Amino acid sequence: MIRIASRVPGPPVRRLTATLYGYAFLSDLVLLYPLYVVFFADTGLSVGQISSLFVIWSAAGILFEVPSGAWADVVSRRLLLCLAPLVAAAGFALWVSLPSYPAFAVGFLLWGAGGALVSGALEALVWTELDRLGAVDRFARVLGRARTAGVLGVVASGVFAGPVLAAGGYPAVAVASVLACLLAALVATRLPEHRPPAAGPTRPTAVGSAGPPAERDDGDGGLGWWETLRAGVTQVRTRPPVRGAVLLVAVVAADWGALDEFTPLLALDTGVGAQVVPLLLLLLWAGVTIGGLLAPVGERLSRRGYAVLLGLVGVALAGGALLRHPTGFVLLAVAFGAAQLATVLADTRLQARITGDSRATVTSLAGMATDVLIIGTYAGFGLLATVAGTSVAFAVTAGPYLLVGLVLLTRRRRGAAVPTGGTASGPD
């Protein structure tokens, strides 16, 4: 059973969450975010070259995702969260120091590696710490607020990028981005990490010492990296509840995560001018922010309610796109907010089902599956958009949400609740 926390979080929980929110905000306060495509174009890269960089970026995430998750389980999740923004900062500095296609490619490799270091390690650390503090039922709302803090970081980067670019050009934007990454790494050092002794071999206690062995701090488990990786893969392969939760995370997160990259094209397809596009995108980010903050409400959804939530994502995505009018972005904002909420709840469902010392490894497997589906969505969307247009491609790509929602509604199951934050559920 998962312990139930009191309604008012204690000081340790507040310290953990405040540090986490600061880390999430600073990690996404990268002023290069809204400008890097323009920077590449100004350097002379073609659309094809820029597209190939995105493929390198995605491939790097897939390559490093699972190995870094196993590393987090063996060494230290906090250490990886400290390293991640430093690795990304090195890539950003390389871009501006040596602006060229090879430097951009290496920078994307570093950025992808940095993202992989966070994926898995962050969710595993937060779940473990909240569980230790008897507040694991707060995981969904904490994760939702952390995602919202990241969104606010992206919004802030969009606000400040233009003035900084006007004042100091791309070098100033890069310096500000690197500084934000350094601050994020500094904040990560304040994250707590107390992990229980692993089931395997442990360090002997001193002769004559009294009491139980001390908690394991910053890793030092009995399993090595390869054994931890195999244990995580085995858990996904042999335990249907975990495998189902991994697949749910991948499907729910990948679709809207990929479509987000094409929303500027959809905005232009409505007939507005380029100067209006940022305003429509800001509406989407507002929806995402609200979706993350609604996690405490989403925790009370039954299995049927979660299926309806996914149906809302699919219908609102398709309807908003097919309107081919700026007002359609209101529906898209609803869809993106519901998708953010569904993703947070799916992540919580996964954490509630993982057992053993491979928590970050299993979470990274879900991240890798998400990245693979995102690449497939990119390819499928491109083909559909070429044949039928951007709006139709959006509508068709929203189909998996309706399909998964239908499966959840019709699939027989012992118990009615979808596992979110309060209790662990039984197998599917």
Protein backbone atom coordinates (compact mmCIF):
# COMPACT_ATOMS: atom_id res chain seq x y z
CA MET A 1 0.00 0.00 0.00
CA ILE A 2 1.08 3.54 -0.66
CA ARG A 3 1.11 5.67 2.46
CA ILE A 4 -1.42 8.49 2.57
CA ALA A 5 -0.03 11.90 3.40
CA SER A 6 -1.65 14.61 5.46
CA ARG A 7 -3.46 17.33 3.56
CA VAL A 8 -0.93 20.00 4.56
CA PRO A 9 2.58 19.12 3.35
CA GLY A 10 5.36 19.37 5.91
CA PRO A 11 8.54 21.44 5.52
CA PRO A 12 10.53 18.63 3.83
CA VAL A 13 7.84 18.26 1.17
CA ARG A 14 7.70 22.01 0.64
CA ARG A 15 11.47 22.20 0.29
CA LEU A 16 11.47 19.36 -2.24
CA THR A 17 8.69 20.87 -4.35
CA ALA A 18 10.03 24.44 -4.26
CA THR A 19 13.43 23.19 -5.43
CA LEU A 20 11.83 21.06 -8.12
CA TYR A 21 9.73 23.94 -9.46
CA GLY A 22 12.76 26.22 -9.58
CA TYR A 23 14.74 23.57 -11.43
CA ALA A 24 11.95 23.01 -13.95
CA PHE A 25 11.56 26.74 -14.59
CA LEU A 26 15.27 27.44 -15.05
CA SER A 27 15.81 24.34 -17.21
CA ASP A 28 13.33 25.73 -19.76
CA LEU A 29 14.32 29.39 -19.42
CA VAL A 30 16.49 29.02 -22.53
CA LEU A 31 16.29 32.13 -24.70
CA LEU A 32 17.54 30.15 -27.69
CA TYR A 33 14.31 28.10 -27.72
CA PRO A 34 12.23 30.52 -29.82
CA LEU A 35 15.20 31.57 -31.97
CA TYR A 36 17.35 28.59 -32.81
CA VAL A 37 15.56 27.76 -36.08
CA VAL A 38 15.92 31.38 -37.18
CA PHE A 39 19.56 31.29 -36.09
CA PHE A 40 20.20 28.21 -38.22
CA ALA A 41 18.53 29.84 -41.21
CA ASP A 42 20.54 33.03 -40.73
CA THR A 43 23.69 30.92 -40.71
CA GLY A 44 22.76 29.63 -44.16
CA LEU A 45 21.27 26.23 -43.46
CA SER A 46 18.57 24.92 -45.76
CA VAL A 47 15.23 23.54 -44.60
CA GLY A 48 16.49 20.05 -45.34
CA GLN A 49 19.57 20.56 -43.19
CA ILE A 50 17.48 21.95 -40.34
CA SER A 51 15.14 18.96 -40.58
CA SER A 52 18.10 16.60 -40.43
CA LEU A 53 19.22 18.31 -37.22
CA PHE A 54 15.83 17.52 -35.67
CA VAL A 55 16.33 13.88 -36.60
CA ILE A 56 19.77 13.92 -34.93
CA TRP A 57 18.18 15.49 -31.85
CA SER A 58 15.50 12.82 -31.61
CA ALA A 59 17.96 10.01 -32.31
CA ALA A 60 20.24 11.27 -29.53
CA GLY A 61 17.36 11.13 -27.09
CA ILE A 62 16.56 7.55 -28.07
CA LEU A 63 20.23 6.51 -27.92
CA PHE A 64 20.92 7.92 -24.46
CA GLU A 65 17.48 7.51 -22.85
CA VAL A 66 17.60 4.02 -21.36
CA PRO A 67 21.36 3.84 -20.56
CA SER A 68 21.08 7.09 -18.61
CA GLY A 69 18.04 5.78 -16.74
CA ALA A 70 20.00 2.73 -15.60
CA TRP A 71 22.88 5.01 -14.66
CA ALA A 72 20.52 7.08 -12.50
CA ASP A 73 19.40 3.93 -10.69
CA VAL A 74 22.99 2.84 -10.03
CA VAL A 75 24.80 6.10 -9.30
CA SER A 76 22.68 9.10 -8.36
CA ARG A 77 19.54 10.62 -9.81
CA ARG A 78 20.44 14.00 -8.36
CA LEU A 79 23.84 13.85 -10.04
CA LEU A 80 22.26 13.31 -13.43
CA LEU A 81 19.84 16.19 -12.86
CA CYS A 82 22.86 18.39 -12.14
CA LEU A 83 24.72 17.23 -15.23
CA ALA A 84 21.81 17.55 -17.66
CA PRO A 85 21.69 21.38 -17.91
CA LEU A 86 25.49 21.55 -18.03
CA VAL A 87 25.58 19.21 -21.03
CA ALA A 88 22.89 21.27 -22.78
CA ALA A 89 24.74 24.50 -21.97
CA ALA A 90 27.87 23.12 -23.64
CA GLY A 91 25.85 22.52 -26.80
CA PHE A 92 24.39 26.03 -26.79
CA ALA A 93 27.83 27.57 -26.30
CA LEU A 94 29.18 25.50 -29.19
CA TRP A 95 26.43 26.73 -31.52
CA VAL A 96 27.35 30.38 -31.12
CA SER A 97 31.11 29.85 -30.87
CA LEU A 98 31.35 27.83 -34.10
CA PRO A 99 28.14 28.43 -36.08
CA SER A 100 28.17 25.65 -38.67
CA TYR A 101 26.27 22.49 -39.50
CA PRO A 102 28.77 20.16 -37.71
CA ALA A 103 28.66 22.32 -34.57
CA PHE A 104 24.87 22.41 -34.67
CA ALA A 105 24.77 18.61 -35.02
CA VAL A 106 27.10 18.11 -32.04
CA GLY A 107 25.08 20.63 -30.09
CA PHE A 108 21.89 18.69 -30.74
CA LEU A 109 23.63 15.49 -29.65
CA LEU A 110 24.55 17.19 -26.38
CA TRP A 111 21.06 18.65 -25.98
CA GLY A 112 19.50 15.25 -26.61
CA ALA A 113 21.85 13.66 -24.10
CA GLY A 114 20.92 16.32 -21.55
CA GLY A 115 17.23 15.63 -22.02
CA ALA A 116 17.84 11.90 -21.61
CA LEU A 117 19.68 12.48 -18.33
CA VAL A 118 16.59 14.20 -16.91
CA SER A 119 14.04 11.77 -18.30
CA GLY A 120 13.48 8.97 -15.83
CA ALA A 121 15.78 10.36 -13.17
CA LEU A 122 13.50 13.27 -12.26
CA GLU A 123 10.26 11.30 -11.91
CA ALA A 124 12.05 8.50 -10.03
CA LEU A 125 13.70 10.91 -7.58
CA VAL A 126 10.47 12.81 -6.87
CA TRP A 127 8.41 9.64 -6.40
CA THR A 128 11.02 8.08 -4.09
CA GLU A 129 11.37 11.21 -1.97
CA LEU A 130 7.63 11.74 -1.65
CA ASP A 131 7.23 8.07 -0.74
CA ARG A 132 9.91 8.43 1.93
CA LEU A 133 8.09 11.45 3.35
CA GLY A 134 4.72 9.68 3.33
CA ALA A 135 3.38 12.05 0.67
CA VAL A 136 3.43 9.93 -2.47
CA ASP A 137 -0.26 10.67 -3.03
CA ARG A 138 0.85 14.22 -3.93
CA PHE A 139 2.96 13.01 -6.86
CA ALA A 140 0.47 13.88 -9.61
CA ARG A 141 -0.08 17.45 -8.43
CA VAL A 142 3.64 17.97 -7.83
CA LEU A 143 4.52 16.66 -11.30
CA GLY A 144 1.74 18.73 -12.86
CA ARG A 145 3.01 21.90 -11.19
CA ALA A 146 6.58 21.09 -12.20
CA ARG A 147 5.46 20.74 -15.83
CA THR A 148 3.64 24.07 -15.47
CA ALA A 149 6.82 25.69 -14.12
CA GLY A 150 8.62 24.44 -17.22
CA VAL A 151 5.92 25.91 -19.46
CA LEU A 152 6.29 29.25 -17.69
CA GLY A 153 10.03 29.05 -18.35
CA VAL A 154 9.35 28.56 -22.06
CA VAL A 155 6.91 31.48 -22.07
CA ALA A 156 9.42 33.70 -20.27
CA SER A 157 12.12 32.76 -22.78
CA GLY A 158 9.78 33.86 -25.56
CA VAL A 159 9.18 37.19 -23.82
CA PHE A 160 12.85 37.99 -23.18
CA ALA A 161 14.44 36.50 -26.30
CA GLY A 162 13.52 39.39 -28.60
CA PRO A 163 14.83 42.23 -26.40
CA VAL A 164 18.05 40.35 -25.60
CA LEU A 165 18.59 39.60 -29.29
CA ALA A 166 18.06 43.26 -30.16
CA ALA A 167 20.49 44.34 -27.46
CA GLY A 168 23.35 41.90 -28.01
CA GLY A 169 22.60 39.58 -30.92
CA TYR A 170 22.85 35.82 -30.82
CA PRO A 171 25.93 35.83 -28.52
CA ALA A 172 23.91 37.59 -25.81
CA VAL A 173 21.04 35.13 -26.27
CA ALA A 174 23.46 32.23 -25.93
CA VAL A 175 25.08 33.69 -22.81
CA ALA A 176 21.67 34.13 -21.19
CA SER A 177 20.74 30.55 -22.12
CA VAL A 178 23.95 29.14 -20.68
CA LEU A 179 23.49 31.18 -17.50
CA ALA A 180 20.00 29.75 -17.01
CA CYS A 181 21.40 26.24 -17.42
CA LEU A 182 24.13 26.90 -14.86
CA LEU A 183 21.55 28.18 -12.39
CA ALA A 184 19.43 25.08 -13.01
CA ALA A 185 22.43 22.85 -12.24
CA LEU A 186 23.07 24.81 -9.04
CA VAL A 187 19.44 24.43 -7.95
CA ALA A 188 19.61 20.68 -8.67
CA THR A 189 22.31 20.29 -6.03
CA ARG A 190 19.66 21.23 -3.45
CA LEU A 191 17.37 18.35 -4.38
CA PRO A 192 17.25 15.68 -1.66
CA GLU A 193 18.09 12.09 -2.46
CA HIS A 194 17.61 9.36 0.11
CA ARG A 195 17.16 5.90 -1.31
CA PRO A 196 16.48 2.73 0.68
CA PRO A 197 19.04 -0.06 0.75
CA ALA A 198 18.91 -2.24 -2.35
CA ALA A 199 17.83 -5.83 -2.11
CA GLY A 200 21.25 -7.00 -3.23
CA PRO A 201 24.61 -6.81 -1.42
CA THR A 202 25.02 -3.89 0.96
CA ARG A 203 27.96 -2.30 2.63
CA PRO A 204 28.76 -3.83 6.03
CA THR A 205 28.07 -1.73 9.08
CA ALA A 206 30.84 -0.87 11.47
CA VAL A 207 31.61 -3.44 14.17
CA GLY A 208 29.66 -2.70 17.29
CA SER A 209 27.26 -0.27 15.61
CA ALA A 210 23.68 -0.32 16.77
CA GLY A 211 20.42 0.10 14.93
CA PRO A 212 19.41 -0.64 11.33
CA PRO A 213 21.65 0.14 8.37
CA ALA A 214 21.56 3.75 7.22
CA GLU A 215 19.62 4.73 4.15
CA ARG A 216 21.48 4.62 0.89
CA ASP A 217 22.27 8.18 -0.21
CA ASP A 218 22.96 8.93 -3.86
CA GLY A 219 22.73 5.40 -5.07
CA ASP A 220 25.30 2.69 -4.29
CA GLY A 221 22.88 -0.17 -4.85
CA GLY A 222 23.79 -3.83 -5.04
CA LEU A 223 23.20 -4.13 -8.79
CA GLY A 224 25.61 -2.88 -11.41
CA TRP A 225 24.65 -0.83 -14.44
CA TRP A 226 24.06 -3.77 -16.76
CA GLU A 227 22.12 -5.76 -14.17
CA THR A 228 19.95 -2.72 -13.41
CA LEU A 229 19.28 -2.19 -17.11
CA ARG A 230 18.30 -5.85 -17.54
CA ALA A 231 16.08 -5.71 -14.45
CA GLY A 232 14.21 -2.71 -15.82
CA VAL A 233 13.72 -4.29 -19.25
CA THR A 234 12.62 -7.55 -17.63
CA GLN A 235 10.06 -5.73 -15.49
CA VAL A 236 8.50 -4.12 -18.56
CA ARG A 237 8.62 -7.36 -20.54
CA THR A 238 7.22 -9.70 -17.90
CA ARG A 239 4.76 -7.53 -15.94
CA PRO A 240 1.67 -6.60 -17.98
CA PRO A 241 0.62 -3.75 -15.64
CA VAL A 242 3.98 -2.04 -16.06
CA ARG A 243 4.11 -2.72 -19.78
CA GLY A 244 0.61 -1.31 -20.22
CA ALA A 245 1.52 1.81 -18.24
CA VAL A 246 4.68 2.33 -20.34
CA LEU A 247 2.67 2.08 -23.56
CA LEU A 248 0.01 4.45 -22.24
CA VAL A 249 2.64 7.08 -21.40
CA ALA A 250 4.17 6.74 -24.85
CA VAL A 251 0.91 7.04 -26.78
CA VAL A 252 -0.54 9.89 -24.70
CA ALA A 253 2.66 11.98 -24.63
CA ALA A 254 3.93 11.39 -28.16
CA ASP A 255 0.97 12.56 -30.21
CA TRP A 256 0.50 16.05 -28.85
CA GLY A 257 4.25 16.38 -28.25
CA ALA A 258 4.83 15.93 -31.98
CA LEU A 259 1.86 18.05 -33.08
CA ASP A 260 3.15 20.96 -30.99
CA GLU A 261 5.98 21.44 -33.49
CA PHE A 262 3.48 22.00 -36.31
CA THR A 263 1.13 24.45 -34.59
CA PRO A 264 2.78 27.51 -36.22
CA LEU A 265 1.99 26.02 -39.63
CA LEU A 266 -1.60 25.37 -38.55
CA ALA A 267 -1.86 28.98 -37.37
CA LEU A 268 -0.70 30.28 -40.74
CA ASP A 269 -3.17 27.92 -42.39
CA THR A 270 -6.01 29.86 -40.73
CA GLY A 271 -5.12 32.93 -42.79
CA VAL A 272 -3.58 35.10 -40.05
CA GLY A 273 -0.37 37.05 -40.55
CA ALA A 274 2.94 35.97 -39.10
CA GLN A 275 2.69 38.61 -36.38
CA VAL A 276 -0.48 36.95 -34.99
CA VAL A 277 1.02 33.45 -34.79
CA PRO A 278 2.78 34.01 -31.41
CA LEU A 279 -0.52 35.15 -29.87
CA LEU A 280 -2.30 31.98 -30.99
CA LEU A 281 0.57 29.85 -29.69
CA LEU A 282 0.41 31.70 -26.38
CA LEU A 283 -3.20 30.54 -26.12
CA LEU A 284 -2.02 26.95 -26.46
CA TRP A 285 0.59 27.36 -23.76
CA ALA A 286 -2.07 28.83 -21.47
CA GLY A 287 -4.07 25.64 -22.01
CA VAL A 288 -1.03 23.49 -21.21
CA THR A 289 -0.43 25.49 -18.03
CA ILE A 290 -4.00 25.01 -16.83
CA GLY A 291 -3.85 21.31 -17.68
CA GLY A 292 -0.83 20.82 -15.45
CA LEU A 293 -2.46 22.66 -12.57
CA LEU A 294 -5.59 20.49 -12.82
CA ALA A 295 -3.69 17.35 -11.76
CA PRO A 296 -5.30 17.26 -8.27
CA VAL A 297 -8.73 17.20 -9.94
CA GLY A 298 -7.59 14.61 -12.47
CA GLU A 299 -6.51 12.26 -9.67
CA ARG A 300 -10.17 11.66 -8.89
CA LEU A 301 -11.00 10.47 -12.40
CA SER A 302 -12.27 6.92 -12.76
CA ARG A 303 -11.12 4.70 -15.59
CA ARG A 304 -14.15 5.83 -17.58
CA GLY A 305 -13.40 9.46 -16.75
CA TYR A 306 -9.84 9.08 -18.00
CA ALA A 307 -11.12 7.54 -21.22
CA VAL A 308 -13.48 10.51 -21.67
CA LEU A 309 -10.52 12.85 -21.08
CA LEU A 310 -8.62 11.18 -23.92
CA GLY A 311 -11.71 11.44 -26.10
CA LEU A 312 -11.86 15.16 -25.35
CA VAL A 313 -8.25 15.51 -26.51
CA GLY A 314 -8.97 13.78 -29.80
CA VAL A 315 -12.23 15.60 -30.55
CA ALA A 316 -10.90 19.03 -29.60
CA LEU A 317 -7.70 18.53 -31.61
CA ALA A 318 -9.55 17.44 -34.72
CA GLY A 319 -12.31 20.02 -34.37
CA GLY A 320 -9.97 22.92 -33.72
CA ALA A 321 -7.81 22.03 -36.71
CA LEU A 322 -10.67 21.44 -39.13
CA LEU A 323 -12.27 24.81 -38.33
CA ARG A 324 -9.37 26.44 -40.19
CA HIS A 325 -10.12 29.64 -38.31
CA PRO A 326 -8.26 31.42 -35.48
CA THR A 327 -11.13 30.61 -33.11
CA GLY A 328 -10.23 26.97 -33.59
CA PHE A 329 -7.20 27.60 -31.39
CA VAL A 330 -9.55 27.84 -28.41
CA LEU A 331 -10.46 24.19 -29.00
CA LEU A 332 -6.79 23.37 -29.55
CA ALA A 333 -5.94 25.03 -26.22
CA VAL A 334 -8.54 22.80 -24.55
CA ALA A 335 -7.02 19.77 -26.29
CA PHE A 336 -3.47 20.63 -25.26
CA GLY A 337 -4.53 21.28 -21.67
CA ALA A 338 -6.38 17.96 -21.51
CA ALA A 339 -3.39 16.22 -23.10
CA GLN A 340 -1.04 17.70 -20.50
CA LEU A 341 -3.34 16.48 -17.72
CA ALA A 342 -3.63 13.03 -19.32
CA THR A 343 0.16 12.82 -19.63
CA VAL A 344 0.71 13.71 -15.97
CA LEU A 345 -1.83 11.10 -14.89
CA ALA A 346 -0.24 8.48 -17.16
CA ASP A 347 3.19 9.25 -15.69
CA THR A 348 1.74 8.87 -12.20
CA ARG A 349 0.10 5.59 -13.18
CA LEU A 350 3.48 4.29 -14.32
CA GLN A 351 5.31 5.31 -11.15
CA ALA A 352 2.64 3.62 -9.02
CA ARG A 353 3.24 0.32 -10.80
CA ILE A 354 7.05 0.20 -10.86
CA THR A 355 8.72 -1.93 -8.19
CA GLY A 356 12.32 -2.60 -7.26
CA ASP A 357 15.47 -0.55 -7.82
CA SER A 358 15.04 0.09 -11.57
CA ARG A 359 12.52 2.93 -11.32
CA ALA A 360 14.49 5.40 -13.46
CA THR A 361 15.32 2.66 -15.98
CA VAL A 362 11.66 1.73 -16.49
CA THR A 363 10.68 5.40 -16.71
CA SER A 364 13.38 5.92 -19.34
CA LEU A 365 12.00 3.00 -21.33
CA ALA A 366 8.72 4.90 -21.44
CA GLY A 367 10.61 7.98 -22.58
CA MET A 368 12.35 6.02 -25.33
CA ALA A 369 9.04 4.59 -26.54
CA THR A 370 7.66 8.14 -26.59
CA ASP A 371 10.59 9.37 -28.69
CA VAL A 372 10.15 6.53 -31.18
CA LEU A 373 6.45 7.30 -31.56
CA ILE A 374 7.22 11.01 -31.94
CA ILE A 375 9.55 10.30 -34.87
CA GLY A 376 6.88 8.09 -36.44
CA THR A 377 4.32 10.86 -35.94
CA TYR A 378 6.65 13.38 -37.59
CA ALA A 379 6.95 11.15 -40.63
CA GLY A 380 3.25 10.33 -40.84
CA PHE A 381 2.21 13.94 -40.36
CA GLY A 382 4.56 15.09 -43.09
CA LEU A 383 3.08 12.63 -45.58
CA LEU A 384 -0.50 13.49 -44.66
CA ALA A 385 0.12 17.22 -44.76
CA THR A 386 1.72 16.93 -48.20
CA VAL A 387 -1.28 15.04 -49.58
CA ALA A 388 -4.24 16.56 -47.71
CA GLY A 389 -3.03 19.69 -45.95
CA THR A 390 -2.04 20.64 -42.41
CA SER A 391 -5.55 20.74 -40.95
CA VAL A 392 -6.47 17.25 -42.14
CA ALA A 393 -3.13 15.90 -40.94
CA PHE A 394 -3.86 17.34 -37.48
CA ALA A 395 -7.29 15.74 -37.41
CA VAL A 396 -6.06 12.31 -38.49
CA THR A 397 -3.12 12.41 -36.08
CA ALA A 398 -5.57 13.00 -33.21
CA GLY A 399 -7.08 9.57 -33.89
CA PRO A 400 -4.97 7.55 -31.42
CA TYR A 401 -6.53 9.43 -28.49
CA LEU A 402 -9.99 8.34 -29.57
CA LEU A 403 -8.78 4.78 -30.10
CA VAL A 404 -7.09 4.49 -26.70
CA GLY A 405 -10.10 6.08 -25.00
CA LEU A 406 -12.38 3.53 -26.67
CA VAL A 407 -10.13 0.67 -25.56
CA LEU A 408 -10.22 1.91 -21.97
CA LEU A 409 -14.02 2.14 -22.08
CA THR A 410 -14.55 -1.35 -23.46
CA ARG A 411 -11.78 -3.31 -21.78
CA ARG A 412 -12.88 -5.44 -18.87
CA ARG A 413 -11.06 -4.80 -15.64
CA ARG A 414 -11.19 -5.65 -11.94
CA GLY A 415 -11.95 -2.31 -10.25
CA ALA A 416 -13.05 0.97 -11.74
CA ALA A 417 -10.39 3.51 -10.86
CA VAL A 418 -7.54 4.55 -13.09
CA PRO A 419 -4.35 4.51 -11.00
CA THR A 420 -3.18 8.05 -10.52
CA GLY A 421 -1.85 9.48 -7.35
CA GLY A 422 -3.70 8.22 -4.31
CA THR A 423 -3.37 4.44 -4.41
CA ALA A 424 -1.72 1.76 -6.41
CA SER A 425 -4.02 -0.20 -8.60
CA GLY A 426 -4.17 -3.77 -9.57
CA PRO A 427 -3.04 -5.12 -12.92
CA ASP A 428 -4.86 -4.45 -16.12
